[in-house]
Each structure stands twice: as C-alpha cells, then as structure tokens.
Amino acid sequence: DGCLWDTNGHIFYSPLPCCVPLPGFENIRFCVSQYDDKDRVLLRNLCFVLGAKFVEKLTKKVTHLICKFTYGTKYEAACKWGKQCITAEWIYECVSQ
C-alpha cells in the first residue's frame, strides 16, 4: 500500500497466545463477507492455523459467517439458514481467551 503498517498488538503480527490448533475450532467452517482481499487472506491463514476450515462460497455446510456489517446477500442467507454471523474480532477474542 506504499506505507508501513503499525503491527503493535495486532494478532496477525504476534505469536498466538493459545494452543494450535485451538480446541473446538476443528468443527468450524468459516466463510467471509465484506472484508477486503488483504484481510481475507489473513483471516484464511489464521483459520487454517487454528484448525478450522475456510471456504469462499457460502453453503449450508458453513457454520460461521465472518462479516463486518449486518447486511448483504451472504449475511441474509446465513441468517435464513441459522448460521452464526460473527466479526473477525470474535476470532481474535477466542485466541486471546
């Protein structure tokens, strides 16, 4: 992006303070919506390290939709199918806890 990013305190740029894979994440299948390409790659890598599955296409096999906002076609479909809609911060908090 032509600039240096502040990496202090962000989970992507520090050792994970949890067991890897994170217990309980092996049965989670994430899909992402409303995040830019850079964040998608970082989220996909984090989910992989934590032991979860990560898919680009929302299907009924997805257990959690990672989305920034409470609108959009993926969000509406996830709600209709009874899927958990979370933000990336939820994953960071799981790691922190």
C-alpha atoms as a PDB file:
ATOM      1  CA  ASP A   1       0.000   0.000   0.000  1.00  0.00           C
ATOM      2  CA  GLY A   2       3.036   2.263  -0.065  1.00  0.00           C
ATOM      3  CA  CYS A   3       3.237   2.692   3.712  1.00  0.00           C
ATOM      4  CA  LEU A   4       4.324   0.853   6.835  1.00  0.00           C
ATOM      5  CA  TRP A   5       1.610  -0.713   8.956  1.00  0.00           C
ATOM      6  CA  ASP A   6       1.620  -0.486  12.734  1.00  0.00           C
ATOM      7  CA  THR A   7       1.922  -4.087  13.860  1.00  0.00           C
ATOM      8  CA  ASN A   8       1.862  -3.480  17.612  1.00  0.00           C
ATOM      9  CA  GLY A   9      -0.761  -5.509  19.378  1.00  0.00           C
ATOM     10  CA  HIS A  10      -2.474  -6.999  16.332  1.00  0.00           C
ATOM     11  CA  ILE A  11      -2.972 -10.745  16.484  1.00  0.00           C
ATOM     12  CA  PHE A  12      -1.717 -11.259  12.926  1.00  0.00           C
ATOM     13  CA  TYR A  13       1.705  -9.893  13.805  1.00  0.00           C
ATOM     14  CA  SER A  14       2.440 -11.578  17.120  1.00  0.00           C
ATOM     15  CA  PRO A  15       2.816 -15.122  18.437  1.00  0.00           C
ATOM     16  CA  LEU A  16      -0.537 -16.765  19.133  1.00  0.00           C
ATOM     17  CA  PRO A  17      -1.252 -16.940  22.876  1.00  0.00           C
ATOM     18  CA  CYS A  18      -3.172 -20.218  22.519  1.00  0.00           C
ATOM     19  CA  CYS A  19      -2.768 -23.885  21.681  1.00  0.00           C
ATOM     20  CA  VAL A  20      -2.628 -24.624  17.976  1.00  0.00           C
ATOM     21  CA  PRO A  21      -4.909 -25.996  16.704  1.00  0.00           C
ATOM     22  CA  LEU A  22      -7.343 -24.229  19.004  1.00  0.00           C
ATOM     23  CA  PRO A  23      -9.590 -26.804  20.724  1.00  0.00           C
ATOM     24  CA  GLY A  24     -13.134 -26.604  19.369  1.00  0.00           C
ATOM     25  CA  PHE A  25     -12.153 -24.992  16.070  1.00  0.00           C
ATOM     26  CA  GLU A  26     -11.742 -28.308  14.240  1.00  0.00           C
ATOM     27  CA  ASN A  27     -15.512 -28.493  13.658  1.00  0.00           C
ATOM     28  CA  ILE A  28     -15.886 -24.903  12.463  1.00  0.00           C
ATOM     29  CA  ARG A  29     -16.209 -23.975   8.786  1.00  0.00           C
ATOM     30  CA  PHE A  30     -15.824 -20.250   8.143  1.00  0.00           C
ATOM     31  CA  CYS A  31     -16.862 -18.159   5.163  1.00  0.00           C
ATOM     32  CA  VAL A  32     -16.087 -14.459   4.856  1.00  0.00           C
ATOM     33  CA  SER A  33     -18.032 -11.473   3.544  1.00  0.00           C
ATOM     34  CA  GLN A  34     -17.403  -7.718   3.337  1.00  0.00           C
ATOM     35  CA  TYR A  35     -13.653  -7.856   4.117  1.00  0.00           C
ATOM     36  CA  ASP A  36     -11.074  -6.669   1.584  1.00  0.00           C
ATOM     37  CA  ASP A  37      -8.699  -9.083  -0.147  1.00  0.00           C
ATOM     38  CA  LYS A  38      -5.801  -8.497   2.251  1.00  0.00           C
ATOM     39  CA  ASP A  39      -7.971  -9.198   5.322  1.00  0.00           C
ATOM     40  CA  ARG A  40      -9.468 -12.276   3.628  1.00  0.00           C
ATOM     41  CA  VAL A  41      -6.018 -13.772   3.111  1.00  0.00           C
ATOM     42  CA  LEU A  42      -5.015 -13.053   6.701  1.00  0.00           C
ATOM     43  CA  LEU A  43      -8.280 -14.492   8.046  1.00  0.00           C
ATOM     44  CA  ARG A  44      -7.952 -17.611   5.881  1.00  0.00           C
ATOM     45  CA  ASN A  45      -4.402 -18.179   7.162  1.00  0.00           C
ATOM     46  CA  LEU A  46      -5.431 -17.621  10.783  1.00  0.00           C
ATOM     47  CA  CYS A  47      -8.375 -20.024  10.461  1.00  0.00           C
ATOM     48  CA  PHE A  48      -6.086 -22.653   8.931  1.00  0.00           C
ATOM     49  CA  VAL A  49      -3.569 -22.322  11.783  1.00  0.00           C
ATOM     50  CA  LEU A  50      -6.377 -22.531  14.358  1.00  0.00           C
ATOM     51  CA  GLY A  51      -7.614 -25.786  12.793  1.00  0.00           C
ATOM     52  CA  ALA A  52     -10.827 -24.501  11.224  1.00  0.00           C
ATOM     53  CA  LYS A  53     -11.938 -24.849   7.608  1.00  0.00           C
ATOM     54  CA  PHE A  54     -12.223 -21.745   5.450  1.00  0.00           C
ATOM     55  CA  VAL A  55     -14.267 -21.576   2.256  1.00  0.00           C
ATOM     56  CA  GLU A  56     -15.002 -18.750  -0.176  1.00  0.00           C
ATOM     57  CA  LYS A  57     -18.528 -19.812  -1.098  1.00  0.00           C
ATOM     58  CA  LEU A  58     -21.320 -19.744   1.476  1.00  0.00           C
ATOM     59  CA  THR A  59     -23.054 -23.108   1.616  1.00  0.00           C
ATOM     60  CA  LYS A  60     -25.185 -24.805   4.227  1.00  0.00           C
ATOM     61  CA  LYS A  61     -22.052 -26.628   5.450  1.00  0.00           C
ATOM     62  CA  VAL A  62     -20.607 -23.304   6.685  1.00  0.00           C
ATOM     63  CA  THR A  63     -21.037 -22.903  10.445  1.00  0.00           C
ATOM     64  CA  HIS A  64     -19.920 -19.259  10.838  1.00  0.00           C
ATOM     65  CA  LEU A  65     -20.017 -16.248   8.506  1.00  0.00           C
ATOM     66  CA  ILE A  66     -17.324 -13.664   9.225  1.00  0.00           C
ATOM     67  CA  CYS A  67     -18.817 -10.320   8.189  1.00  0.00           C
ATOM     68  CA  LYS A  68     -18.234  -6.662   9.005  1.00  0.00           C
ATOM     69  CA  PHE A  69     -21.827  -5.487   8.642  1.00  0.00           C
ATOM     70  CA  THR A  70     -25.308  -6.864   9.225  1.00  0.00           C
ATOM     71  CA  TYR A  71     -26.457  -6.653   5.620  1.00  0.00           C
ATOM     72  CA  GLY A  72     -25.735  -8.185   2.242  1.00  0.00           C
ATOM     73  CA  THR A  73     -26.705 -11.331   0.380  1.00  0.00           C
ATOM     74  CA  LYS A  74     -24.334 -13.663   2.245  1.00  0.00           C
ATOM     75  CA  TYR A  75     -25.448 -12.217   5.579  1.00  0.00           C
ATOM     76  CA  GLU A  76     -29.131 -12.649   4.705  1.00  0.00           C
ATOM     77  CA  ALA A  77     -28.585 -16.230   3.522  1.00  0.00           C
ATOM     78  CA  ALA A  78     -26.586 -17.097   6.663  1.00  0.00           C
ATOM     79  CA  CYS A  79     -29.370 -15.741   8.884  1.00  0.00           C
ATOM     80  CA  LYS A  80     -32.002 -17.626   6.896  1.00  0.00           C
ATOM     81  CA  TRP A  81     -30.032 -20.867   7.367  1.00  0.00           C
ATOM     82  CA  GLY A  82     -29.474 -20.231  11.079  1.00  0.00           C
ATOM     83  CA  LYS A  83     -25.697 -19.751  10.794  1.00  0.00           C
ATOM     84  CA  GLN A  84     -23.625 -17.791  13.306  1.00  0.00           C
ATOM     85  CA  CYS A  85     -22.652 -14.350  11.973  1.00  0.00           C
ATOM     86  CA  ILE A  86     -19.500 -13.004  13.620  1.00  0.00           C
ATOM     87  CA  THR A  87     -16.796 -10.410  13.049  1.00  0.00           C
ATOM     88  CA  ALA A  88     -13.071 -11.044  12.777  1.00  0.00           C
ATOM     89  CA  GLU A  89     -12.777  -9.605  16.290  1.00  0.00           C
ATOM     90  CA  TRP A  90     -14.702 -12.639  17.606  1.00  0.00           C
ATOM     91  CA  ILE A  91     -11.932 -14.904  16.310  1.00  0.00           C
ATOM     92  CA  TYR A  92      -9.263 -12.647  17.811  1.00  0.00           C
ATOM     93  CA  GLU A  93     -11.061 -12.769  21.164  1.00  0.00           C
ATOM     94  CA  CYS A  94     -11.259 -16.578  21.023  1.00  0.00           C
ATOM     95  CA  VAL A  95      -7.484 -16.657  20.535  1.00  0.00           C
ATOM     96  CA  SER A  96      -6.908 -14.160  23.337  1.00  0.00           C
ATOM     97  CA  GLN A  97      -9.105 -16.033  25.790  1.00  0.00           C
END
